[in-house]
Structure formats: structure tokens, C-alpha cells
Protein backbone atom coordinates (compact mmCIF):
# COMPACT_ATOMS: atom_id res chain seq x y z
CA MET A 1 194.49 -49.66 -119.73
CA ARG A 2 197.62 -48.80 -117.82
CA ALA A 3 198.77 -45.43 -118.67
CA PRO A 4 202.30 -45.48 -120.42
CA GLY A 5 204.89 -45.24 -118.03
CA SER A 6 202.79 -45.87 -115.06
CA GLU A 7 204.28 -47.29 -111.63
CA LEU A 8 201.31 -49.57 -111.13
CA PRO A 9 200.64 -51.79 -110.18
CA ILE A 10 203.94 -52.49 -107.94
CA LEU A 11 204.37 -56.26 -107.71
CA PHE A 12 206.40 -58.32 -105.23
CA GLU A 13 207.19 -61.58 -106.33
CA GLY A 14 208.52 -64.24 -103.56
CA VAL A 15 210.26 -61.24 -102.46
CA SER A 16 213.10 -62.03 -99.54
CA VAL A 17 215.55 -59.64 -97.55
CA GLU A 18 218.64 -60.37 -95.81
CA ALA A 19 221.01 -58.64 -93.88
CA ASN A 20 224.08 -59.82 -92.42
CA THR A 21 222.49 -63.05 -92.20
CA VAL A 22 219.31 -61.83 -90.95
CA ARG A 23 216.35 -62.31 -92.31
CA ILE A 24 213.80 -58.95 -92.57
CA LEU A 25 211.22 -59.95 -95.31
CA SER A 26 210.33 -63.91 -96.24
CA ASP A 27 208.78 -64.56 -99.55
CA VAL A 28 206.68 -61.77 -99.95
CA SER A 29 204.17 -61.81 -102.88
CA LEU A 30 202.08 -58.46 -102.97
CA ALA A 31 200.55 -56.02 -105.14
CA LEU A 32 200.38 -52.81 -104.75
CA ALA A 33 197.76 -51.22 -107.21
CA ALA A 34 195.78 -47.95 -107.86
CA GLY A 35 193.16 -47.11 -105.51
CA MET A 36 192.46 -46.53 -101.64
CA PRO A 37 195.36 -46.14 -99.43
CA THR A 38 197.53 -49.66 -98.54
CA VAL A 39 198.57 -49.27 -94.77
CA LEU A 40 201.35 -51.42 -93.48
CA ILE A 41 200.85 -52.22 -89.92
CA GLY A 42 202.99 -54.77 -87.60
CA PRO A 43 205.11 -54.79 -84.63
CA ASN A 44 208.34 -53.13 -84.57
CA GLY A 45 211.11 -54.86 -86.73
CA SER A 46 208.48 -56.68 -89.10
CA GLY A 47 209.75 -55.39 -92.41
CA LYS A 48 207.11 -52.43 -93.14
CA THR A 49 210.03 -50.12 -93.77
CA THR A 50 211.93 -52.26 -95.63
CA LEU A 51 208.81 -52.86 -97.85
CA LEU A 52 208.44 -49.13 -98.48
CA ARG A 53 212.07 -49.18 -99.30
CA LEU A 54 211.76 -51.74 -101.87
CA ALA A 55 208.53 -50.34 -103.34
CA MET A 56 210.54 -46.89 -103.96
CA GLY A 57 213.59 -48.92 -105.79
CA LEU A 58 215.81 -47.82 -103.29
CA LEU A 59 216.40 -51.40 -102.07
CA ALA A 60 217.00 -54.70 -104.24
CA PRO A 61 215.66 -57.56 -103.01
CA SER A 62 217.98 -60.65 -101.64
CA ALA A 63 215.99 -63.14 -103.42
CA GLY A 64 212.44 -62.62 -105.54
CA ARG A 65 211.18 -59.67 -107.86
CA VAL A 66 210.03 -56.16 -107.80
CA THR A 67 208.19 -54.62 -110.50
CA TRP A 68 206.39 -51.44 -111.54
CA GLY A 69 204.10 -51.20 -114.13
CA GLY A 70 205.69 -54.35 -115.65
CA ARG A 71 209.03 -53.34 -115.94
CA ASP A 72 212.25 -54.48 -113.96
CA ARG A 73 213.15 -50.81 -112.68
CA THR A 74 211.91 -47.54 -111.89
CA ASP A 75 213.36 -44.02 -112.65
CA GLY A 76 211.61 -43.05 -109.40
CA ARG A 77 210.17 -40.15 -111.10
CA ARG A 78 206.78 -40.69 -109.86
CA LEU A 79 207.49 -42.01 -106.62
CA ALA A 80 207.85 -40.13 -103.48
CA MET A 81 208.54 -41.20 -99.83
CA VAL A 82 208.46 -39.02 -96.36
CA SER A 83 210.05 -40.60 -93.33
CA GLN A 84 209.15 -40.33 -90.01
CA ARG A 85 211.98 -37.37 -89.57
CA PRO A 86 212.66 -35.95 -92.76
CA VAL A 87 215.62 -33.67 -93.08
CA MET A 88 214.75 -29.95 -93.23
CA LEU A 89 217.10 -27.67 -95.72
CA ARG A 90 218.98 -24.49 -94.43
CA ARG A 91 216.65 -22.08 -96.33
CA SER A 92 212.60 -20.93 -96.23
CA THR A 93 209.75 -23.18 -96.09
CA PHE A 94 209.04 -21.58 -99.67
CA ALA A 95 212.96 -22.26 -100.79
CA ASN A 96 212.17 -25.75 -99.82
CA VAL A 97 209.26 -26.28 -102.35
CA THR A 98 211.07 -24.72 -104.68
CA TYR A 99 214.09 -26.72 -104.38
CA ALA A 100 211.75 -29.67 -104.55
CA LEU A 101 210.13 -28.40 -107.83
CA GLY A 102 213.62 -27.90 -109.33
CA ALA A 103 215.02 -31.33 -108.17
CA ALA A 104 211.62 -32.70 -109.87
CA GLY A 105 212.32 -30.79 -113.57
CA ALA A 106 209.64 -28.19 -112.99
CA ALA A 107 210.44 -25.28 -115.35
CA TRP A 108 211.62 -21.96 -113.68
CA ARG A 109 208.74 -19.91 -114.91
CA GLY A 110 205.74 -20.54 -112.77
CA ARG A 111 207.80 -22.73 -109.72
CA GLY A 112 206.56 -19.82 -107.28
CA THR A 113 202.74 -20.10 -108.09
CA ARG A 114 203.12 -23.92 -108.05
CA ALA A 115 205.08 -23.51 -104.58
CA ARG A 116 202.70 -21.14 -103.02
CA GLY A 117 199.77 -23.57 -103.92
CA LEU A 118 201.81 -26.81 -102.22
CA LEU A 119 202.24 -24.61 -99.41
CA ALA A 120 198.75 -23.64 -99.25
CA GLN A 121 197.57 -27.48 -99.55
CA ALA A 122 199.87 -28.12 -96.62
CA GLY A 123 198.36 -25.30 -94.17
CA LEU A 124 201.85 -23.44 -94.62
CA LEU A 125 201.47 -20.30 -96.66
CA THR A 126 201.92 -17.76 -93.73
CA GLN A 127 204.97 -19.62 -92.99
CA SER A 128 206.60 -19.00 -96.13
CA ASP A 129 209.49 -17.11 -95.39
CA ARG A 130 209.97 -18.72 -92.09
CA SER A 131 213.46 -20.95 -91.65
CA ALA A 132 212.59 -24.83 -92.08
CA ARG A 133 214.30 -25.41 -89.53
CA ARG A 134 212.56 -23.61 -87.10
CA LEU A 135 209.12 -25.08 -87.91
CA SER A 136 207.53 -27.21 -85.06
CA GLY A 137 207.56 -30.76 -85.86
CA GLY A 138 204.00 -31.18 -87.19
CA GLU A 139 204.74 -28.05 -89.62
CA GLN A 140 208.35 -29.97 -90.75
CA GLN A 141 206.28 -32.82 -91.55
CA ARG A 142 203.40 -31.19 -93.65
CA LEU A 143 206.25 -29.31 -95.08
CA ALA A 144 207.64 -32.76 -96.26
CA LEU A 145 204.72 -33.53 -97.84
CA ALA A 146 204.47 -30.48 -99.67
CA ARG A 147 208.38 -31.38 -101.27
CA ALA A 148 207.09 -35.02 -101.78
CA LEU A 149 204.23 -33.56 -103.85
CA ALA A 150 206.37 -31.26 -105.85
CA ARG A 151 207.62 -34.56 -107.71
CA ASP A 152 203.77 -34.83 -108.67
CA PRO A 153 203.85 -38.61 -107.80
CA GLU A 154 201.78 -41.53 -108.75
CA VAL A 155 202.96 -43.24 -105.57
CA LEU A 156 203.54 -41.37 -102.00
CA CYS A 157 204.77 -43.97 -99.34
CA LEU A 158 204.80 -42.79 -95.83
CA ASP A 159 206.89 -44.12 -93.31
CA GLU A 160 205.09 -43.46 -89.67
CA PRO A 161 204.77 -39.94 -90.76
CA THR A 162 202.87 -38.97 -87.61
CA ALA A 163 204.90 -41.25 -84.82
CA SER A 164 206.31 -38.09 -82.80
CA LEU A 165 203.47 -35.90 -83.50
CA ASP A 166 200.88 -34.33 -81.06
CA PRO A 167 196.66 -35.16 -81.65
CA ALA A 168 196.29 -31.76 -83.70
CA ASN A 169 199.35 -32.28 -85.77
CA THR A 170 198.22 -35.97 -86.41
CA ARG A 171 194.95 -34.68 -87.49
CA ALA A 172 196.65 -31.95 -89.75
CA VAL A 173 198.88 -34.14 -91.46
CA GLU A 174 196.04 -37.03 -91.99
CA GLU A 175 193.62 -34.48 -93.65
CA ILE A 176 196.42 -33.93 -96.15
CA VAL A 177 196.87 -37.32 -96.78
CA THR A 178 193.30 -38.01 -97.17
CA THR A 179 193.16 -35.24 -99.78
CA ILE A 180 196.39 -36.73 -101.52
CA ALA A 181 194.38 -40.15 -101.84
CA ALA A 182 191.44 -38.79 -102.83
CA SER A 183 193.16 -37.01 -105.91
CA GLY A 184 194.28 -40.23 -107.38
CA VAL A 185 197.89 -40.71 -105.69
CA LYS A 186 198.55 -44.22 -104.71
CA VAL A 187 199.49 -43.89 -100.70
CA VAL A 188 201.15 -46.79 -99.29
CA MET A 189 201.66 -45.89 -95.45
CA ALA A 190 203.49 -47.82 -92.77
CA THR A 191 201.88 -46.96 -89.29
CA HIS A 192 202.32 -48.45 -85.62
CA ASP A 193 198.61 -47.01 -84.88
CA LEU A 194 195.91 -49.00 -85.10
CA GLY A 195 193.26 -45.89 -84.68
CA GLN A 196 194.94 -44.03 -87.79
CA ALA A 197 194.79 -47.51 -89.77
CA ARG A 198 191.26 -47.57 -89.35
CA ARG A 199 190.87 -43.81 -90.49
CA LEU A 200 192.93 -43.87 -93.16
CA ALA A 201 193.21 -47.70 -94.71
CA GLY A 202 191.22 -48.74 -97.84
CA GLU A 203 193.31 -52.00 -97.37
CA VAL A 204 195.31 -53.41 -94.53
CA VAL A 205 198.25 -55.60 -94.82
CA LEU A 206 199.68 -56.80 -91.63
CA LEU A 207 203.32 -57.95 -91.72
CA VAL A 208 204.64 -60.46 -88.54
CA GLY A 209 208.30 -61.07 -88.49
CA GLY A 210 209.13 -60.45 -92.24
CA LEU A 211 205.80 -62.46 -93.21
CA VAL A 212 202.51 -60.86 -94.52
CA CYS A 213 200.20 -62.68 -92.48
CA GLU A 214 197.02 -61.12 -93.76
CA ARG A 215 195.90 -58.58 -96.23
CA SER A 216 192.32 -57.60 -96.65
CA PRO A 217 189.99 -54.72 -97.01
CA ALA A 218 189.94 -52.12 -94.02
CA SER A 219 186.63 -52.91 -92.77
CA GLN A 220 187.26 -56.47 -92.76
CA PHE A 221 190.41 -56.56 -91.46
CA PHE A 222 189.14 -54.55 -88.04
CA SER A 223 185.72 -56.23 -88.03
CA ASP A 224 186.67 -59.83 -88.86
CA PRO A 225 190.21 -60.81 -88.99
CA ALA A 226 191.07 -64.01 -90.75
CA THR A 227 194.07 -64.83 -89.03
CA SER A 228 195.09 -65.49 -85.20
CA GLU A 229 197.99 -62.89 -85.42
CA ALA A 230 195.72 -60.31 -86.89
CA ALA A 231 193.15 -60.86 -84.04
CA ALA A 232 195.88 -61.10 -81.74
CA PHE A 233 197.56 -57.86 -82.87
CA LEU A 234 194.49 -55.89 -82.74
CA ARG A 235 193.17 -57.03 -79.10
CA GLY A 236 197.12 -55.67 -78.38
CA ASP A 237 198.81 -58.69 -77.56
CA LEU A 238 202.36 -59.25 -78.34
CA VAL A 239 202.82 -60.74 -81.58
CA ILE A 240 206.27 -62.20 -82.79
């Protein structure tokens, strides 16, 4: 049975999104359930970020319905999102995390211990006193993950989290994401990197032109894609 108050599954039922007469998503029906990471792939402009924003409750569909654990609304307390370029607060690395803990409603007593634990998980404990805005891009992304985990999320949405990072920092972020997923947090990630999708995905959702073209377990998607669009995308062909 689903635990009371669970955000999962997140269901998209015939969801479409339009902006200024432009159709961004078209009739998407999809279930995001507990388990291995769901990785969204597809060309730029295919609707990956829009789908993540819908899952977070940050955007209302133009048509169709999104539900969280059978409810029509979410308060967002067990949802967290990290974008490609997170904004760092003008304070120390440690204070960025304690601020996130306070915003999540964590008791004052114990915030410091919890913050240090999250920074250690992100490999940033030795950077605690450093200005967050002076961290490298990879360190800032790891700090963004630590802040997201301060919410104790059930679902973590990641929007191209390593798009601008070098291989070493990409590996560091991926290791954190793998640990997060293994702890039971549902990870839903958009990426343009097929190698990353192979490394992290439990299942793959291919979006093309706002449509879900294919959804399948990662092993099946990469070894035996069911659609011509997926086969073309894996070959590196232009898919529109």
C-alpha cells in the first residue's frame, strides 16, 4: 500500500501544454512510479523541461490532468528539483544548506549536524566556510543537490544537471545521483547525454516534438528500440 501522503505515482493523463499557441507537449500519458531512475531524453525543445515542471507542480497543463499519489494537487514538500544552472545564495556553502533546511521546516536543533552530513555526501565538507558563489561549476551543482536533499524529497527532478560540466565533475555528480536513487528517492532526470542515460537510467522516456515516442526499460531501449524515432536518435540522426 502507498504510504499516506506519498507523491507517487505521479500520473500524466492526456496532458498537453501550449504557450502562445505553440504546442509544447501533446496528449502525454505517463506514470512515474517508485523505483529506478526515469531518464528523459530527446532533442532540444522536445518538452523534457516542461514535463519536469509539470511533475513538480510548477506548471498547470493546458489540457489533461496530473495527479500525485492520487491527489489533484501537491504541496511540493516532498518534491525537489535541480536545474542546469542553480542559483547560489550570497553566503557560505554551509549556510546555503542550513538555509535550505530551515525552508524545509527542519528543527533548529540539529540543523548543523544535518548540514554537515549533506555536505559530506556531496563531497563539500572541506568547503563549508567558502562562499558558495566562489565554488567551481561542479561544486555548485553538488551543493545544489545537497540543498535539494535538505527537503528529504521522495521525488528528485534533475534538469540537465551535468550539461556544462567536465568529465570529472560529471562523474562526481553521477555518483551522488546513484547514491540518492539507491536510498529510495525517485529520480527523474532530463539529459541530452546518451552515455549518461545508459549509466543511470532504469527506464528511458523518449520525447520528440512534445510526444512520448517510446518508453521502455533502459536495457531494452538501448539494445532493441521499438520505434524508428528511437533507433534514429540512438544512431545520432536528426529527429524532429
